[in-house]
N, C-alpha and C. Protein backbone atom coordinates (compact mmCIF):
# COMPACT_ATOMS: atom_id res chain seq x y z
N MET A 1 -59.60 98.33 -75.62
CA MET A 1 -60.44 98.02 -76.76
C MET A 1 -60.75 99.32 -77.49
N THR A 2 -60.70 99.31 -78.78
CA THR A 2 -60.95 100.51 -79.58
C THR A 2 -62.15 100.27 -80.48
N ASN A 3 -62.83 101.38 -80.80
CA ASN A 3 -63.95 101.26 -81.71
C ASN A 3 -63.79 102.14 -82.94
N GLY A 4 -62.73 102.91 -83.00
CA GLY A 4 -62.43 103.71 -84.19
C GLY A 4 -63.20 105.00 -84.29
N ASN A 5 -63.99 105.41 -83.27
CA ASN A 5 -64.77 106.64 -83.37
C ASN A 5 -64.01 107.87 -82.88
N GLY A 6 -63.09 107.71 -81.99
CA GLY A 6 -62.35 108.85 -81.45
C GLY A 6 -61.12 109.13 -82.29
N PRO A 7 -60.48 110.30 -82.07
CA PRO A 7 -59.30 110.65 -82.85
C PRO A 7 -58.18 109.62 -82.70
N ASN A 8 -58.10 109.01 -81.55
CA ASN A 8 -57.06 108.02 -81.36
C ASN A 8 -57.64 106.60 -81.42
N GLY A 9 -58.90 106.52 -81.90
CA GLY A 9 -59.53 105.23 -82.03
C GLY A 9 -60.15 104.71 -80.76
N ASP A 10 -60.15 105.51 -79.70
CA ASP A 10 -60.69 105.05 -78.42
C ASP A 10 -61.64 106.11 -77.87
N THR A 11 -62.96 105.83 -77.87
CA THR A 11 -63.95 106.76 -77.36
C THR A 11 -64.24 106.42 -75.90
N PRO A 12 -64.08 107.41 -75.02
CA PRO A 12 -64.39 107.12 -73.62
C PRO A 12 -65.89 106.85 -73.44
N ARG A 13 -66.19 105.87 -72.66
CA ARG A 13 -67.59 105.53 -72.38
C ARG A 13 -68.02 106.21 -71.10
N PRO A 14 -69.25 106.72 -71.09
CA PRO A 14 -69.73 107.33 -69.85
C PRO A 14 -69.87 106.27 -68.76
N ASP A 15 -69.60 106.69 -67.56
CA ASP A 15 -69.70 105.80 -66.42
C ASP A 15 -71.18 105.46 -66.19
N PRO A 16 -71.57 104.19 -66.30
CA PRO A 16 -72.99 103.84 -66.16
C PRO A 16 -73.54 104.18 -64.77
N ILE A 17 -72.72 104.04 -63.75
CA ILE A 17 -73.18 104.38 -62.39
C ILE A 17 -73.45 105.87 -62.30
N GLN A 18 -72.58 106.68 -62.88
CA GLN A 18 -72.77 108.14 -62.86
C GLN A 18 -74.03 108.53 -63.62
N LYS A 19 -74.26 107.92 -64.77
CA LYS A 19 -75.47 108.22 -65.54
C LYS A 19 -76.72 107.85 -64.76
N LEU A 20 -76.67 106.70 -64.10
CA LEU A 20 -77.80 106.25 -63.31
C LEU A 20 -78.04 107.19 -62.14
N THR A 21 -76.96 107.61 -61.49
CA THR A 21 -77.08 108.54 -60.36
C THR A 21 -77.70 109.85 -60.81
N GLU A 22 -77.27 110.37 -61.93
CA GLU A 22 -77.83 111.63 -62.46
C GLU A 22 -79.30 111.46 -62.80
N TYR A 23 -79.64 110.32 -63.37
CA TYR A 23 -81.04 110.06 -63.72
C TYR A 23 -81.92 110.00 -62.47
N VAL A 24 -81.44 109.30 -61.44
CA VAL A 24 -82.20 109.19 -60.19
C VAL A 24 -82.34 110.57 -59.55
N GLU A 25 -81.30 111.36 -59.58
CA GLU A 25 -81.38 112.71 -59.01
C GLU A 25 -82.41 113.55 -59.75
N SER A 26 -82.45 113.44 -61.06
CA SER A 26 -83.43 114.21 -61.82
C SER A 26 -84.85 113.72 -61.54
N LEU A 27 -85.00 112.42 -61.33
CA LEU A 27 -86.31 111.89 -60.96
C LEU A 27 -86.74 112.41 -59.59
N GLU A 28 -85.80 112.46 -58.66
CA GLU A 28 -86.13 112.97 -57.32
C GLU A 28 -86.58 114.42 -57.39
N ILE A 29 -85.90 115.21 -58.21
CA ILE A 29 -86.29 116.61 -58.37
C ILE A 29 -87.68 116.70 -58.98
N SER A 30 -87.94 115.88 -60.00
CA SER A 30 -89.26 115.87 -60.63
C SER A 30 -90.34 115.48 -59.63
N LEU A 31 -90.05 114.49 -58.80
CA LEU A 31 -91.02 114.08 -57.79
C LEU A 31 -91.29 115.18 -56.78
N GLU A 32 -90.25 115.88 -56.37
CA GLU A 32 -90.42 116.98 -55.42
C GLU A 32 -91.31 118.06 -56.03
N ILE A 33 -91.09 118.36 -57.28
CA ILE A 33 -91.91 119.37 -57.96
C ILE A 33 -93.36 118.91 -58.02
N GLN A 34 -93.57 117.64 -58.37
CA GLN A 34 -94.92 117.09 -58.44
C GLN A 34 -95.59 117.11 -57.06
N GLU A 35 -94.83 116.78 -56.02
CA GLU A 35 -95.38 116.80 -54.67
C GLU A 35 -95.79 118.21 -54.27
N ASP A 36 -94.96 119.20 -54.63
CA ASP A 36 -95.31 120.59 -54.34
C ASP A 36 -96.58 120.99 -55.06
N LYS A 37 -96.69 120.61 -56.33
CA LYS A 37 -97.89 120.92 -57.11
C LYS A 37 -99.11 120.23 -56.51
N THR A 38 -98.94 118.99 -56.09
CA THR A 38 -100.03 118.24 -55.48
C THR A 38 -100.48 118.90 -54.19
N ASP A 39 -99.54 119.37 -53.39
CA ASP A 39 -99.89 120.06 -52.14
C ASP A 39 -100.71 121.30 -52.43
N VAL A 40 -100.30 122.06 -53.44
CA VAL A 40 -101.03 123.28 -53.79
C VAL A 40 -102.45 122.93 -54.25
N ILE A 41 -102.57 121.91 -55.08
CA ILE A 41 -103.88 121.50 -55.58
C ILE A 41 -104.76 121.00 -54.43
N GLU A 42 -104.19 120.23 -53.53
CA GLU A 42 -104.96 119.75 -52.38
C GLU A 42 -105.45 120.90 -51.52
N ASP A 43 -104.61 121.92 -51.34
CA ASP A 43 -105.03 123.10 -50.59
C ASP A 43 -106.17 123.82 -51.30
N GLN A 44 -106.07 123.94 -52.63
CA GLN A 44 -107.12 124.60 -53.40
C GLN A 44 -108.43 123.82 -53.32
N VAL A 45 -108.34 122.50 -53.42
CA VAL A 45 -109.54 121.66 -53.33
C VAL A 45 -110.18 121.81 -51.96
N ALA A 46 -109.38 121.81 -50.91
CA ALA A 46 -109.92 121.98 -49.56
C ALA A 46 -110.61 123.34 -49.42
N ASN A 47 -109.99 124.37 -49.96
CA ASN A 47 -110.57 125.71 -49.91
C ASN A 47 -111.89 125.77 -50.68
N LEU A 48 -111.89 125.20 -51.87
CA LEU A 48 -113.11 125.20 -52.69
C LEU A 48 -114.21 124.36 -52.04
N THR A 49 -113.84 123.26 -51.43
CA THR A 49 -114.82 122.43 -50.73
C THR A 49 -115.47 123.21 -49.59
N GLU A 50 -114.64 123.95 -48.88
CA GLU A 50 -115.16 124.77 -47.78
C GLU A 50 -116.11 125.84 -48.32
N GLN A 51 -115.74 126.46 -49.43
CA GLN A 51 -116.60 127.48 -50.02
C GLN A 51 -117.93 126.88 -50.49
N ILE A 52 -117.88 125.71 -51.08
CA ILE A 52 -119.11 125.05 -51.54
C ILE A 52 -120.01 124.74 -50.35
N THR A 53 -119.42 124.26 -49.27
CA THR A 53 -120.20 123.96 -48.08
C THR A 53 -120.89 125.22 -47.55
N GLU A 54 -120.14 126.31 -47.53
CA GLU A 54 -120.72 127.58 -47.07
C GLU A 54 -121.84 128.04 -48.00
N LEU A 55 -121.62 127.91 -49.31
CA LEU A 55 -122.65 128.31 -50.27
C LEU A 55 -123.90 127.43 -50.15
N LYS A 56 -123.71 126.14 -49.95
CA LYS A 56 -124.86 125.25 -49.76
C LYS A 56 -125.66 125.68 -48.54
N GLN A 57 -124.96 126.01 -47.48
CA GLN A 57 -125.64 126.45 -46.26
C GLN A 57 -126.41 127.74 -46.51
N GLN A 58 -125.81 128.66 -47.26
CA GLN A 58 -126.50 129.92 -47.56
C GLN A 58 -127.74 129.67 -48.41
N VAL A 59 -127.61 128.80 -49.41
CA VAL A 59 -128.75 128.49 -50.27
C VAL A 59 -129.85 127.82 -49.46
N LYS A 60 -129.44 126.90 -48.59
CA LYS A 60 -130.42 126.22 -47.74
C LYS A 60 -131.16 127.22 -46.87
N GLN A 61 -130.42 128.17 -46.32
CA GLN A 61 -131.04 129.19 -45.48
C GLN A 61 -131.98 130.06 -46.31
N MET A 62 -131.55 130.45 -47.52
CA MET A 62 -132.38 131.29 -48.37
C MET A 62 -133.66 130.57 -48.77
N TYR A 63 -133.53 129.34 -49.24
CA TYR A 63 -134.71 128.60 -49.66
C TYR A 63 -135.56 128.21 -48.47
N GLY A 64 -134.93 127.93 -47.36
CA GLY A 64 -135.69 127.63 -46.15
C GLY A 64 -136.52 128.82 -45.74
N ASP A 65 -135.92 129.99 -45.79
CA ASP A 65 -136.64 131.21 -45.46
C ASP A 65 -137.76 131.45 -46.47
N GLU A 66 -137.50 131.20 -47.75
CA GLU A 66 -138.49 131.41 -48.80
C GLU A 66 -139.66 130.44 -48.64
N GLU A 67 -139.35 129.17 -48.31
CA GLU A 67 -140.41 128.20 -48.10
C GLU A 67 -141.27 128.59 -46.91
N ASP A 68 -140.64 129.05 -45.85
CA ASP A 68 -141.40 129.51 -44.69
C ASP A 68 -142.30 130.68 -45.07
N TRP A 69 -141.77 131.60 -45.85
CA TRP A 69 -142.54 132.76 -46.26
C TRP A 69 -143.72 132.34 -47.14
N GLN A 70 -143.48 131.39 -48.07
CA GLN A 70 -144.56 130.94 -48.95
C GLN A 70 -145.64 130.23 -48.14
N ARG A 71 -145.23 129.41 -47.19
CA ARG A 71 -146.22 128.72 -46.35
C ARG A 71 -147.05 129.72 -45.54
N MET A 72 -146.38 130.71 -45.03
CA MET A 72 -147.08 131.71 -44.21
C MET A 72 -148.02 132.53 -45.06
N SER A 73 -147.65 132.84 -46.31
CA SER A 73 -148.49 133.68 -47.16
C SER A 73 -149.73 132.91 -47.62
N LYS A 74 -149.71 131.57 -47.65
CA LYS A 74 -150.86 130.78 -48.06
C LYS A 74 -151.89 130.66 -46.96
N THR A 75 -151.51 130.88 -45.74
CA THR A 75 -152.45 130.71 -44.64
C THR A 75 -153.17 131.97 -44.30
């Protein structure tokens, strides 16, 4: 069958299976990249959560100490 677009009137059509395979491979690569980024973000969130917990504890200790000092100074 010819369509008149090629020099001899016959344009080769890309193999649909090959195009699909290439598309799936590119999606897999994109997913791997996204998974790597997600892992990094999850690690950062865990680290920041730990830091927040430590800071909360420090603030609690500071204010706890300050409240004790204020109570003692009133008596």
